Amino acid sequence: SDPQGALYWMARMLDGGEDPMTLFRRAIAMSAEDIGLADPNALLIAVAARDAFHMLGPPEGYLPLAEMTIYLATAPKSNSAKVALDGALSAARETPAAPVPLHIRNAPTGLMKELGYGAGYRYAHVSPDAYLPQEYLPDELRGTAFYAPGPFGYEKKVAERLEWWEKRREEEKGKSEP
């Protein structure tokens, strides 16, 4: 989170003969690991800068590298996707036999339809706001939250959306309870 330091060390590495692809590889990883969903464009910019470098070569290709370096250094940071992935992988390993809920199973055959596959599935796009609350996790993981958005950048909007979805779920639950 320091564009001055990031640019200086980038320049030192280039001047010292470091392969620019090493810098791009690290920047692409950092975009996913350290910036993540706080600014999803960071990953796109890192990949585009690498592609521009391939197209231009040095020395012109150093400018997209510098732009990318400044962008990443000044982007909001979040590791929420990594934390979410770690949690989901852990849950998947702990519940390897958890069945897919019937309502979200595809039913391409008559037998599958008879077995209840797809029964009760609700297509979100028929709703005016393109959201219909339904459960997607297996029963033993119901209510588990793997992803918790951070307070910065794009994730701030995601947090608002998740809060709104939760309200809709609660409203729907209230309608179905006597």
Protein backbone atom coordinates (compact mmCIF):
# COMPACT_ATOMS: atom_id res chain seq x y z
CA SER A 1 0.00 0.00 0.00
CA ASP A 2 2.85 2.35 -0.86
CA PRO A 3 3.17 3.31 -4.53
CA GLN A 4 6.52 5.03 -3.97
CA GLY A 5 8.10 1.97 -2.40
CA ALA A 6 6.44 -0.39 -4.89
CA LEU A 7 7.74 1.59 -7.87
CA TYR A 8 11.22 1.89 -6.42
CA TRP A 9 11.59 -1.84 -5.75
CA MET A 10 10.06 -2.68 -9.13
CA ALA A 11 12.66 -0.42 -10.79
CA ARG A 12 15.48 -1.91 -8.70
CA MET A 13 14.48 -5.42 -9.73
CA LEU A 14 14.25 -4.48 -13.41
CA ASP A 15 17.53 -2.59 -13.30
CA GLY A 16 19.14 -5.57 -11.57
CA GLY A 17 18.13 -7.88 -14.41
CA GLU A 18 15.08 -9.59 -12.91
CA ASP A 19 12.82 -11.21 -15.48
CA PRO A 20 9.69 -8.99 -15.72
CA MET A 21 7.56 -12.16 -15.79
CA THR A 22 8.60 -12.76 -12.17
CA LEU A 23 7.12 -9.37 -11.28
CA PHE A 24 3.94 -10.07 -13.24
CA ARG A 25 3.52 -13.53 -11.70
CA ARG A 26 3.81 -12.07 -8.21
CA ALA A 27 1.47 -9.18 -9.08
CA ILE A 28 -1.17 -11.55 -10.45
CA ALA A 29 -0.95 -13.68 -7.30
CA MET A 30 -1.09 -10.56 -5.10
CA SER A 31 -4.15 -9.33 -7.00
CA ALA A 32 -6.04 -12.48 -6.04
CA GLU A 33 -4.55 -13.05 -2.57
CA ASP A 34 -4.14 -9.57 -1.10
CA ILE A 35 -6.50 -7.29 -3.03
CA GLY A 36 -9.12 -9.82 -3.99
CA LEU A 37 -12.73 -8.75 -4.05
CA ALA A 38 -12.04 -5.35 -2.52
CA ASP A 39 -11.12 -4.46 -6.12
CA PRO A 40 -11.83 -7.30 -8.57
CA ASN A 41 -10.40 -5.18 -11.39
CA ALA A 42 -6.92 -5.58 -9.89
CA LEU A 43 -6.60 -9.11 -11.29
CA LEU A 44 -7.81 -7.97 -14.72
CA ILE A 45 -5.33 -5.09 -14.72
CA ALA A 46 -2.43 -7.34 -13.69
CA VAL A 47 -3.20 -9.84 -16.45
CA ALA A 48 -3.73 -7.04 -19.01
CA ALA A 49 -0.42 -5.42 -18.03
CA ARG A 50 1.35 -8.75 -18.50
CA ASP A 51 -0.29 -9.17 -21.89
CA ALA A 52 0.66 -5.61 -22.88
CA PHE A 53 4.25 -6.31 -21.89
CA HIS A 54 4.24 -9.41 -24.10
CA MET A 55 2.90 -7.31 -26.98
CA LEU A 56 5.29 -4.37 -26.49
CA GLY A 57 8.41 -5.83 -24.96
CA PRO A 58 10.95 -3.62 -23.20
CA PRO A 59 11.33 -0.71 -22.80
CA GLU A 60 7.74 0.32 -23.77
CA GLY A 61 6.32 -2.64 -21.86
CA TYR A 62 7.71 -1.24 -18.62
CA LEU A 63 5.01 1.45 -18.61
CA PRO A 64 2.10 -1.01 -18.24
CA LEU A 65 4.19 -2.70 -15.53
CA ALA A 66 4.54 0.63 -13.72
CA GLU A 67 0.84 1.44 -14.11
CA MET A 68 -0.08 -1.97 -12.75
CA THR A 69 2.33 -1.53 -9.84
CA ILE A 70 0.79 1.82 -8.89
CA TYR A 71 -2.75 0.46 -9.27
CA LEU A 72 -2.09 -2.56 -7.07
CA ALA A 73 -0.24 -0.53 -4.45
CA THR A 74 -3.14 1.91 -4.14
CA ALA A 75 -6.00 -0.62 -4.34
CA PRO A 76 -8.04 -1.50 -1.26
CA LYS A 77 -6.98 -4.84 0.21
CA SER A 78 -8.95 -7.94 1.20
CA ASN A 79 -8.14 -11.61 1.69
CA SER A 80 -11.78 -12.60 2.18
CA ALA A 81 -11.83 -14.85 -0.91
CA LYS A 82 -8.86 -16.82 0.42
CA VAL A 83 -10.46 -17.15 3.85
CA ALA A 84 -13.73 -18.24 2.18
CA LEU A 85 -11.93 -20.77 -0.03
CA ASP A 86 -10.07 -22.23 2.96
CA GLY A 87 -13.36 -22.59 4.87
CA ALA A 88 -15.20 -24.16 1.93
CA LEU A 89 -12.34 -26.61 1.28
CA SER A 90 -12.30 -27.58 4.94
CA ALA A 91 -16.08 -28.14 4.95
CA ALA A 92 -15.88 -30.14 1.71
CA ARG A 93 -13.22 -32.40 3.24
CA GLU A 94 -15.29 -32.85 6.42
CA THR A 95 -18.52 -33.64 4.53
CA PRO A 96 -17.42 -35.55 1.41
CA ALA A 97 -20.67 -37.53 1.17
CA ALA A 98 -23.11 -34.67 1.78
CA PRO A 99 -25.79 -34.99 -0.89
CA VAL A 100 -26.66 -32.20 -3.31
CA PRO A 101 -30.09 -30.86 -2.28
CA LEU A 102 -32.75 -32.40 -4.54
CA HIS A 103 -34.20 -29.09 -5.68
CA ILE A 104 -30.91 -27.97 -7.28
CA ARG A 105 -30.18 -31.27 -9.00
CA ASN A 106 -30.56 -31.38 -12.76
CA ALA A 107 -33.36 -33.66 -13.97
CA PRO A 108 -32.70 -34.47 -17.63
CA THR A 109 -34.51 -37.84 -17.48
CA GLY A 110 -37.96 -38.97 -16.45
CA LEU A 111 -36.51 -41.20 -13.74
CA MET A 112 -34.63 -38.30 -12.20
CA LYS A 113 -37.82 -36.23 -12.19
CA GLU A 114 -39.68 -39.13 -10.53
CA LEU A 115 -36.94 -39.25 -7.88
CA GLY A 116 -37.59 -35.59 -7.09
CA TYR A 117 -34.58 -34.07 -8.79
CA GLY A 118 -35.25 -30.40 -9.46
CA ALA A 119 -38.57 -30.44 -7.56
CA GLY A 120 -39.11 -27.14 -5.81
CA TYR A 121 -36.33 -25.32 -7.63
CA ARG A 122 -37.11 -21.64 -8.00
CA TYR A 123 -35.74 -19.76 -11.00
CA ALA A 124 -34.56 -16.41 -9.65
CA HIS A 125 -35.10 -14.47 -12.86
CA VAL A 126 -38.88 -14.79 -12.60
CA SER A 127 -38.69 -12.50 -9.57
CA PRO A 128 -38.78 -8.74 -10.29
CA ASP A 129 -35.48 -8.31 -8.44
CA ALA A 130 -33.89 -11.55 -9.76
CA TYR A 131 -33.54 -13.08 -6.30
CA LEU A 132 -35.52 -15.87 -4.67
CA PRO A 133 -34.29 -17.25 -1.35
CA GLN A 134 -33.49 -20.95 -1.44
CA GLU A 135 -30.94 -23.23 0.19
CA TYR A 136 -27.96 -24.39 -1.85
CA LEU A 137 -25.89 -26.11 0.84
CA PRO A 138 -26.39 -29.69 2.03
CA ASP A 139 -28.49 -30.03 5.19
CA GLU A 140 -25.49 -30.54 7.47
CA LEU A 141 -23.97 -27.23 6.31
CA ARG A 142 -27.20 -25.21 6.29
CA GLY A 143 -26.54 -21.72 7.64
CA THR A 144 -22.77 -21.94 7.16
CA ALA A 145 -21.16 -18.74 5.90
CA PHE A 146 -17.83 -19.20 4.18
CA TYR A 147 -17.60 -15.72 2.71
CA ALA A 148 -17.70 -12.54 4.76
CA PRO A 149 -17.05 -9.42 2.69
CA GLY A 150 -14.60 -6.81 3.91
CA PRO A 151 -15.56 -3.16 4.46
CA PHE A 152 -13.70 -1.66 1.48
CA GLY A 153 -14.22 -1.13 -2.22
CA TYR A 154 -16.46 -3.51 -4.12
CA GLU A 155 -16.93 -5.71 -1.05
CA LYS A 156 -18.82 -2.89 0.64
CA LYS A 157 -21.49 -3.27 -2.08
CA VAL A 158 -21.39 -7.05 -1.74
CA ALA A 159 -22.00 -6.72 2.01
CA GLU A 160 -25.07 -4.59 1.34
CA ARG A 161 -26.38 -7.14 -1.18
CA LEU A 162 -25.81 -10.06 1.20
CA GLU A 163 -27.60 -8.14 3.96
CA TRP A 164 -30.54 -7.49 1.65
CA TRP A 165 -30.65 -11.18 0.62
CA GLU A 166 -30.63 -12.20 4.29
CA LYS A 167 -33.57 -9.86 4.94
CA ARG A 168 -35.44 -11.46 2.05
CA ARG A 169 -34.73 -14.93 3.47
CA GLU A 170 -36.06 -13.87 6.87
CA GLU A 171 -39.18 -12.34 5.30
CA GLU A 172 -39.81 -15.51 3.33
CA LYS A 173 -39.26 -17.64 6.43
CA GLY A 174 -41.80 -15.49 8.29
CA LYS A 175 -44.37 -16.04 5.53
CA SER A 176 -44.00 -19.81 5.63
CA GLU A 177 -44.17 -20.13 9.43
CA PRO A 178 -47.65 -20.23 11.03
